[in-house]
Amino acid sequence: MAFSERFMCGVVAGGIWETGDVTGGDAMEDGRDRMMNVAIDASYWFIPGKLGAMVRATQEFQVRDRFEGRTFTTGVNFIF
């Protein structure tokens, strides 16, 4: 959602599911990786459409056969 030409905010959701055949130690317990996540994302454009900064907080859930946790990401948006 764009609140102005400079500030945008939103919710992002996604997930991964390993679909191939598993081998080795994981084969006995169907150790296919799985993870779902939801994130809150915000961007502020210093120069609209060219240069900005972003922050994102992500929570992972329903994780199988991998680590689960929270991440906080910062970055610079530069479009040339």
PDB file of N, CA and C in Angstrom:
ATOM      1  N   MET A   1       0.835  -1.152   0.000  1.00  0.00           N
ATOM      2  CA  MET A   1       0.000   0.000   0.000  1.00  0.00           C
ATOM      3  C   MET A   1       0.896   1.235   0.000  1.00  0.00           C
ATOM      4  N   ALA A   2       0.629   2.131  -0.896  1.00  0.00           N
ATOM      5  CA  ALA A   2       1.398   3.376  -0.990  1.00  0.00           C
ATOM      6  C   ALA A   2       0.644   4.471  -0.244  1.00  0.00           C
ATOM      7  N   PHE A   3       1.260   4.976   0.823  1.00  0.00           N
ATOM      8  CA  PHE A   3       0.653   6.053   1.587  1.00  0.00           C
ATOM      9  C   PHE A   3       0.933   7.409   0.951  1.00  0.00           C
ATOM     10  N   SER A   4       2.043   7.483   0.238  1.00  0.00           N
ATOM     11  CA  SER A   4       2.407   8.695  -0.491  1.00  0.00           C
ATOM     12  C   SER A   4       3.383   8.278  -1.585  1.00  0.00           C
ATOM     13  N   GLU A   5       3.904   9.249  -2.306  1.00  0.00           N
ATOM     14  CA  GLU A   5       4.890   8.952  -3.347  1.00  0.00           C
ATOM     15  C   GLU A   5       6.196   8.424  -2.730  1.00  0.00           C
ATOM     16  N   ARG A   6       6.429   8.722  -1.458  1.00  0.00           N
ATOM     17  CA  ARG A   6       7.680   8.356  -0.799  1.00  0.00           C
ATOM     18  C   ARG A   6       7.582   7.167   0.150  1.00  0.00           C
ATOM     19  N   PHE A   7       6.427   6.897   0.746  1.00  0.00           N
ATOM     20  CA  PHE A   7       6.321   5.859   1.769  1.00  0.00           C
ATOM     21  C   PHE A   7       5.362   4.755   1.347  1.00  0.00           C
ATOM     22  N   MET A   8       5.865   3.503   1.390  1.00  0.00           N
ATOM     23  CA  MET A   8       5.067   2.332   1.048  1.00  0.00           C
ATOM     24  C   MET A   8       5.219   1.282   2.129  1.00  0.00           C
ATOM     25  N   CYS A   9       4.152   0.524   2.359  1.00  0.00           N
ATOM     26  CA  CYS A   9       4.157  -0.492   3.398  1.00  0.00           C
ATOM     27  C   CYS A   9       3.278  -1.646   2.932  1.00  0.00           C
ATOM     28  N   GLY A  10       3.608  -2.856   3.364  1.00  0.00           N
ATOM     29  CA  GLY A  10       2.786  -3.980   2.961  1.00  0.00           C
ATOM     30  C   GLY A  10       3.070  -5.237   3.749  1.00  0.00           C
ATOM     31  N   VAL A  11       2.274  -6.253   3.487  1.00  0.00           N
ATOM     32  CA  VAL A  11       2.430  -7.571   4.085  1.00  0.00           C
ATOM     33  C   VAL A  11       2.760  -8.539   2.956  1.00  0.00           C
ATOM     34  N   VAL A  12       3.772  -9.361   3.191  1.00  0.00           N
ATOM     35  CA  VAL A  12       4.224 -10.324   2.196  1.00  0.00           C
ATOM     36  C   VAL A  12       4.150 -11.710   2.829  1.00  0.00           C
ATOM     37  N   ALA A  13       3.626 -12.688   2.110  1.00  0.00           N
ATOM     38  CA  ALA A  13       3.564 -14.063   2.607  1.00  0.00           C
ATOM     39  C   ALA A  13       4.093 -15.006   1.542  1.00  0.00           C
ATOM     40  N   GLY A  14       4.647 -16.122   1.980  1.00  0.00           N
ATOM     41  CA  GLY A  14       5.175 -17.079   1.024  1.00  0.00           C
ATOM     42  C   GLY A  14       5.543 -18.381   1.700  1.00  0.00           C
ATOM     43  N   GLY A  15       6.119 -19.259   0.935  1.00  0.00           N
ATOM     44  CA  GLY A  15       6.540 -20.536   1.487  1.00  0.00           C
ATOM     45  C   GLY A  15       7.353 -21.323   0.484  1.00  0.00           C
ATOM     46  N   ILE A  16       8.000 -22.375   0.988  1.00  0.00           N
ATOM     47  CA  ILE A  16       8.744 -23.285   0.124  1.00  0.00           C
ATOM     48  C   ILE A  16       8.355 -24.716   0.484  1.00  0.00           C
ATOM     49  N   TRP A  17       8.289 -25.554  -0.498  1.00  0.00           N
ATOM     50  CA  TRP A  17       8.015 -26.974  -0.316  1.00  0.00           C
ATOM     51  C   TRP A  17       8.953 -27.737  -1.220  1.00  0.00           C
ATOM     52  N   GLU A  18       9.737 -28.636  -0.661  1.00  0.00           N
ATOM     53  CA  GLU A  18      10.603 -29.493  -1.451  1.00  0.00           C
ATOM     54  C   GLU A  18       9.743 -30.592  -2.055  1.00  0.00           C
ATOM     55  N   THR A  19       9.737 -30.716  -3.375  1.00  0.00           N
ATOM     56  CA  THR A  19       8.840 -31.650  -4.039  1.00  0.00           C
ATOM     57  C   THR A  19       9.540 -32.879  -4.600  1.00  0.00           C
ATOM     58  N   GLY A  20      10.865 -32.844  -4.707  1.00  0.00           N
ATOM     59  CA  GLY A  20      11.587 -33.970  -5.296  1.00  0.00           C
ATOM     60  C   GLY A  20      11.697 -35.151  -4.353  1.00  0.00           C
ATOM     61  N   ASP A  21      12.227 -36.238  -4.863  1.00  0.00           N
ATOM     62  CA  ASP A  21      12.454 -37.435  -4.053  1.00  0.00           C
ATOM     63  C   ASP A  21      13.579 -37.168  -3.062  1.00  0.00           C
ATOM     64  N   VAL A  22      13.397 -37.640  -1.835  1.00  0.00           N
ATOM     65  CA  VAL A  22      14.422 -37.492  -0.814  1.00  0.00           C
ATOM     66  C   VAL A  22      15.278 -38.744  -0.770  1.00  0.00           C
ATOM     67  N   THR A  23      16.543 -38.586  -0.415  1.00  0.00           N
ATOM     68  CA  THR A  23      17.468 -39.714  -0.345  1.00  0.00           C
ATOM     69  C   THR A  23      18.233 -39.639   0.967  1.00  0.00           C
ATOM     70  N   GLY A  24      18.985 -40.663   1.244  1.00  0.00           N
ATOM     71  CA  GLY A  24      19.822 -40.665   2.441  1.00  0.00           C
ATOM     72  C   GLY A  24      19.003 -40.788   3.711  1.00  0.00           C
ATOM     73  N   GLY A  25      19.485 -40.144   4.784  1.00  0.00           N
ATOM     74  CA  GLY A  25      18.843 -40.229   6.089  1.00  0.00           C
ATOM     75  C   GLY A  25      17.440 -39.661   6.118  1.00  0.00           C
ATOM     76  N   ASP A  26      17.136 -38.694   5.254  1.00  0.00           N
ATOM     77  CA  ASP A  26      15.803 -38.087   5.235  1.00  0.00           C
ATOM     78  C   ASP A  26      14.737 -39.001   4.622  1.00  0.00           C
ATOM     79  N   ALA A  27      15.136 -39.997   3.843  1.00  0.00           N
ATOM     80  CA  ALA A  27      14.177 -40.831   3.121  1.00  0.00           C
ATOM     81  C   ALA A  27      13.274 -41.629   4.064  1.00  0.00           C
ATOM     82  N   MET A  28      13.773 -42.016   5.226  1.00  0.00           N
ATOM     83  CA  MET A  28      12.995 -42.831   6.155  1.00  0.00           C
ATOM     84  C   MET A  28      11.841 -42.036   6.782  1.00  0.00           C
ATOM     85  N   GLU A  29      11.978 -40.726   6.923  1.00  0.00           N
ATOM     86  CA  GLU A  29      10.960 -39.938   7.619  1.00  0.00           C
ATOM     87  C   GLU A  29      10.322 -38.880   6.736  1.00  0.00           C
ATOM     88  N   ASP A  30      10.430 -39.026   5.409  1.00  0.00           N
ATOM     89  CA  ASP A  30       9.907 -38.018   4.484  1.00  0.00           C
ATOM     90  C   ASP A  30      10.411 -36.633   4.890  1.00  0.00           C
ATOM     91  N   GLY A  31      11.707 -36.465   4.890  1.00  0.00           N
ATOM     92  CA  GLY A  31      12.348 -35.243   5.365  1.00  0.00           C
ATOM     93  C   GLY A  31      12.351 -34.115   4.367  1.00  0.00           C
ATOM     94  N   ARG A  32      11.314 -33.976   3.572  1.00  0.00           N
ATOM     95  CA  ARG A  32      11.249 -32.869   2.621  1.00  0.00           C
ATOM     96  C   ARG A  32      11.122 -31.553   3.366  1.00  0.00           C
ATOM     97  N   ASP A  33      11.947 -30.593   2.988  1.00  0.00           N
ATOM     98  CA  ASP A  33      11.907 -29.273   3.613  1.00  0.00           C
ATOM     99  C   ASP A  33      10.572 -28.594   3.343  1.00  0.00           C
ATOM    100  N   ARG A  34      10.113 -27.838   4.336  1.00  0.00           N
ATOM    101  CA  ARG A  34       8.885 -27.070   4.184  1.00  0.00           C
ATOM    102  C   ARG A  34       8.983 -25.868   5.117  1.00  0.00           C
ATOM    103  N   MET A  35       8.512 -24.722   4.652  1.00  0.00           N
ATOM    104  CA  MET A  35       8.533 -23.527   5.480  1.00  0.00           C
ATOM    105  C   MET A  35       7.555 -22.517   4.911  1.00  0.00           C
ATOM    106  N   MET A  36       6.807 -21.872   5.798  1.00  0.00           N
ATOM    107  CA  MET A  36       5.924 -20.776   5.399  1.00  0.00           C
ATOM    108  C   MET A  36       6.369 -19.543   6.171  1.00  0.00           C
ATOM    109  N   ASN A  37       6.106 -18.365   5.621  1.00  0.00           N
ATOM    110  CA  ASN A  37       6.493 -17.141   6.312  1.00  0.00           C
ATOM    111  C   ASN A  37       5.536 -16.000   6.003  1.00  0.00           C
ATOM    112  N   VAL A  38       5.589 -15.009   6.871  1.00  0.00           N
ATOM    113  CA  VAL A  38       4.837 -13.780   6.667  1.00  0.00           C
ATOM    114  C   VAL A  38       5.748 -12.636   7.107  1.00  0.00           C
ATOM    115  N   ALA A  39       5.688 -11.528   6.361  1.00  0.00           N
ATOM    116  CA  ALA A  39       6.576 -10.400   6.643  1.00  0.00           C
ATOM    117  C   ALA A  39       5.819  -9.082   6.521  1.00  0.00           C
ATOM    118  N   ILE A  40       6.288  -8.115   7.289  1.00  0.00           N
ATOM    119  CA  ILE A  40       5.828  -6.737   7.167  1.00  0.00           C
ATOM    120  C   ILE A  40       6.976  -5.964   6.549  1.00  0.00           C
ATOM    121  N   ASP A  41       6.686  -5.230   5.501  1.00  0.00           N
ATOM    122  CA  ASP A  41       7.710  -4.580   4.692  1.00  0.00           C
ATOM    123  C   ASP A  41       7.383  -3.092   4.566  1.00  0.00           C
ATOM    124  N   ALA A  42       8.400  -2.240   4.690  1.00  0.00           N
ATOM    125  CA  ALA A  42       8.191  -0.796   4.514  1.00  0.00           C
ATOM    126  C   ALA A  42       9.360  -0.210   3.731  1.00  0.00           C
ATOM    127  N   SER A  43       9.055   0.722   2.839  1.00  0.00           N
ATOM    128  CA  SER A  43      10.075   1.415   2.043  1.00  0.00           C
ATOM    129  C   SER A  43       9.833   2.914   2.097  1.00  0.00           C
ATOM    130  N   TYR A  44      10.923   3.655   2.174  1.00  0.00           N
ATOM    131  CA  TYR A  44      10.858   5.110   2.096  1.00  0.00           C
ATOM    132  C   TYR A  44      11.786   5.551   0.974  1.00  0.00           C
ATOM    133  N   TRP A  45      11.254   6.311   0.017  1.00  0.00           N
ATOM    134  CA  TRP A  45      12.017   6.759  -1.135  1.00  0.00           C
ATOM    135  C   TRP A  45      12.517   8.184  -0.905  1.00  0.00           C
ATOM    136  N   PHE A  46      13.842   8.337  -0.814  1.00  0.00           N
ATOM    137  CA  PHE A  46      14.452   9.664  -0.696  1.00  0.00           C
ATOM    138  C   PHE A  46      14.295  10.430  -2.006  1.00  0.00           C
ATOM    139  N   ILE A  47      14.532   9.719  -3.115  1.00  0.00           N
ATOM    140  CA  ILE A  47      14.268  10.228  -4.458  1.00  0.00           C
ATOM    141  C   ILE A  47      13.259   9.256  -5.057  1.00  0.00           C
ATOM    142  N   PRO A  48      11.983   9.632  -5.135  1.00  0.00           N
ATOM    143  CA  PRO A  48      10.930   8.690  -5.548  1.00  0.00           C
ATOM    144  C   PRO A  48      11.261   7.927  -6.829  1.00  0.00           C
ATOM    145  N   GLY A  49      11.173   6.594  -6.740  1.00  0.00           N
ATOM    146  CA  GLY A  49      11.421   5.731  -7.882  1.00  0.00           C
ATOM    147  C   GLY A  49      12.884   5.543  -8.235  1.00  0.00           C
ATOM    148  N   LYS A  50      13.802   6.143  -7.473  1.00  0.00           N
ATOM    149  CA  LYS A  50      15.235   6.036  -7.780  1.00  0.00           C
ATOM    150  C   LYS A  50      16.076   5.547  -6.605  1.00  0.00           C
ATOM    151  N   LEU A  51      15.919   6.159  -5.417  1.00  0.00           N
ATOM    152  CA  LEU A  51      16.762   5.841  -4.276  1.00  0.00           C
ATOM    153  C   LEU A  51      15.929   5.822  -3.002  1.00  0.00           C
ATOM    154  N   GLY A  52      16.006   4.696  -2.273  1.00  0.00           N
ATOM    155  CA  GLY A  52      15.228   4.572  -1.057  1.00  0.00           C
ATOM    156  C   GLY A  52      15.840   3.586  -0.084  1.00  0.00           C
ATOM    157  N   ALA A  53      15.193   3.437   1.039  1.00  0.00           N
ATOM    158  CA  ALA A  53      15.604   2.482   2.063  1.00  0.00           C
ATOM    159  C   ALA A  53      14.417   1.590   2.397  1.00  0.00           C
ATOM    160  N   MET A  54      14.717   0.353   2.832  1.00  0.00           N
ATOM    161  CA  MET A  54      13.644  -0.574   3.158  1.00  0.00           C
ATOM    162  C   MET A  54      13.968  -1.316   4.444  1.00  0.00           C
ATOM    163  N   VAL A  55      12.925  -1.746   5.150  1.00  0.00           N
ATOM    164  CA  VAL A  55      13.041  -2.626   6.315  1.00  0.00           C
ATOM    165  C   VAL A  55      11.980  -3.715   6.175  1.00  0.00           C
ATOM    166  N   ARG A  56      12.304  -4.895   6.698  1.00  0.00           N
ATOM    167  CA  ARG A  56      11.361  -6.016   6.632  1.00  0.00           C
ATOM    168  C   ARG A  56      11.556  -6.881   7.873  1.00  0.00           C
ATOM    169  N   ALA A  57      10.462  -7.255   8.522  1.00  0.00           N
ATOM    170  CA  ALA A  57      10.481  -8.191   9.646  1.00  0.00           C
ATOM    171  C   ALA A  57       9.713  -9.432   9.205  1.00  0.00           C
ATOM    172  N   THR A  58      10.352 -10.593   9.305  1.00  0.00           N
ATOM    173  CA  THR A  58       9.778 -11.846   8.813  1.00  0.00           C
ATOM    174  C   THR A  58       9.668 -12.870   9.942  1.00  0.00           C
ATOM    175  N   GLN A  59       8.554 -13.578   9.993  1.00  0.00           N
ATOM    176  CA  GLN A  59       8.359 -14.688  10.929  1.00  0.00           C
ATOM    177  C   GLN A  59       8.096 -15.952  10.122  1.00  0.00           C
ATOM    178  N   GLU A  60       8.870 -17.001  10.394  1.00  0.00           N
ATOM    179  CA  GLU A  60       8.677 -18.297   9.736  1.00  0.00           C
ATOM    180  C   GLU A  60       7.842 -19.196  10.638  1.00  0.00           C
ATOM    181  N   PHE A  61       7.021 -20.071  10.034  1.00  0.00           N
ATOM    182  CA  PHE A  61       6.200 -21.002  10.807  1.00  0.00           C
ATOM    183  C   PHE A  61       5.920 -22.242   9.980  1.00  0.00           C
ATOM    184  N   GLN A  62       5.356 -23.257  10.611  1.00  0.00           N
ATOM    185  CA  GLN A  62       5.094 -24.564   9.998  1.00  0.00           C
ATOM    186  C   GLN A  62       6.331 -25.097   9.293  1.00  0.00           C
ATOM    187  N   VAL A  63       7.444 -25.033   9.998  1.00  0.00           N
ATOM    188  CA  VAL A  63       8.730 -25.447   9.430  1.00  0.00           C
ATOM    189  C   VAL A  63       8.949 -26.933   9.683  1.00  0.00           C
ATOM    190  N   ARG A  64       9.454 -27.615   8.662  1.00  0.00           N
ATOM    191  CA  ARG A  64       9.808 -29.023   8.809  1.00  0.00           C
ATOM    192  C   ARG A  64      11.181 -29.255   8.196  1.00  0.00           C
ATOM    193  N   ASP A  65      12.048 -29.896   8.956  1.00  0.00           N
ATOM    194  CA  ASP A  65      13.371 -30.318   8.508  1.00  0.00           C
ATOM    195  C   ASP A  65      14.287 -29.139   8.154  1.00  0.00           C
ATOM    196  N   ARG A  66      14.177 -28.044   8.898  1.00  0.00           N
ATOM    197  CA  ARG A  66      15.058 -26.891   8.737  1.00  0.00           C
ATOM    198  C   ARG A  66      14.871 -25.978   9.936  1.00  0.00           C
ATOM    199  N   PHE A  67      15.659 -24.910  10.048  1.00  0.00           N
ATOM    200  CA  PHE A  67      15.545 -23.980  11.163  1.00  0.00           C
ATOM    201  C   PHE A  67      14.333 -23.072  10.998  1.00  0.00           C
ATOM    202  N   GLU A  68      13.767 -22.645  12.117  1.00  0.00           N
ATOM    203  CA  GLU A  68      12.640 -21.716  12.118  1.00  0.00           C
ATOM    204  C   GLU A  68      13.029 -20.499  12.943  1.00  0.00           C
ATOM    205  N   GLY A  69      12.574 -19.318  12.540  1.00  0.00           N
ATOM    206  CA  GLY A  69      12.905 -18.155  13.342  1.00  0.00           C
ATOM    207  C   GLY A  69      12.343 -16.866  12.779  1.00  0.00           C
ATOM    208  N   ARG A  70      12.907 -15.777  13.287  1.00  0.00           N
ATOM    209  CA  ARG A  70      12.541 -14.430  12.859  1.00  0.00           C
ATOM    210  C   ARG A  70      13.754 -13.781  12.227  1.00  0.00           C
ATOM    211  N   THR A  71      13.516 -12.978  11.216  1.00  0.00           N
ATOM    212  CA  THR A  71      14.605 -12.206  10.614  1.00  0.00           C
ATOM    213  C   THR A  71      14.185 -10.749  10.498  1.00  0.00           C
ATOM    214  N   PHE A  72      15.169  -9.887  10.564  1.00  0.00           N
ATOM    215  CA  PHE A  72      14.969  -8.458  10.369  1.00  0.00           C
ATOM    216  C   PHE A  72      15.958  -8.034   9.293  1.00  0.00           C
ATOM    217  N   THR A  73      15.464  -7.455   8.218  1.00  0.00           N
ATOM    218  CA  THR A  73      16.284  -7.116   7.064  1.00  0.00           C
ATOM    219  C   THR A  73      16.207  -5.616   6.802  1.00  0.00           C
ATOM    220  N   THR A  74      17.343  -5.023   6.475  1.00  0.00           N
ATOM    221  CA  THR A  74      17.383  -3.631   6.032  1.00  0.00           C
ATOM    222  C   THR A  74      18.090  -3.591   4.685  1.00  0.00           C
ATOM    223  N   GLY A  75      17.822  -2.589   3.911  1.00  0.00           N
ATOM    224  CA  GLY A  75      18.481  -2.503   2.615  1.00  0.00           C
ATOM    225  C   GLY A  75      18.302  -1.152   1.964  1.00  0.00           C
ATOM    226  N   VAL A  76      18.961  -1.014   0.845  1.00  0.00           N
ATOM    227  CA  VAL A  76      18.892   0.207   0.031  1.00  0.00           C
ATOM    228  C   VAL A  76      18.275  -0.165  -1.306  1.00  0.00           C
ATOM    229  N   ASN A  77      17.287   0.603  -1.735  1.00  0.00           N
ATOM    230  CA  ASN A  77      16.669   0.437  -3.054  1.00  0.00           C
ATOM    231  C   ASN A  77      17.310   1.448  -3.990  1.00  0.00           C
ATOM    232  N   PHE A  78      17.934   0.957  -5.038  1.00  0.00           N
ATOM    233  CA  PHE A  78      18.540   1.839  -6.032  1.00  0.00           C
ATOM    234  C   PHE A  78      18.126   1.352  -7.399  1.00  0.00           C
ATOM    235  N   ILE A  79      17.405   2.166  -8.131  1.00  0.00           N
ATOM    236  CA  ILE A  79      16.930   1.803  -9.471  1.00  0.00           C
ATOM    237  C   ILE A  79      17.633   2.722 -10.465  1.00  0.00           C
ATOM    238  N   PHE A  80      18.296   2.106 -11.430  1.00  0.00           N
ATOM    239  CA  PHE A  80      19.006   2.915 -12.437  1.00  0.00           C
ATOM    240  C   PHE A  80      18.473   2.653 -13.820  1.00  0.00           C
TER     241      PHE A  80
END
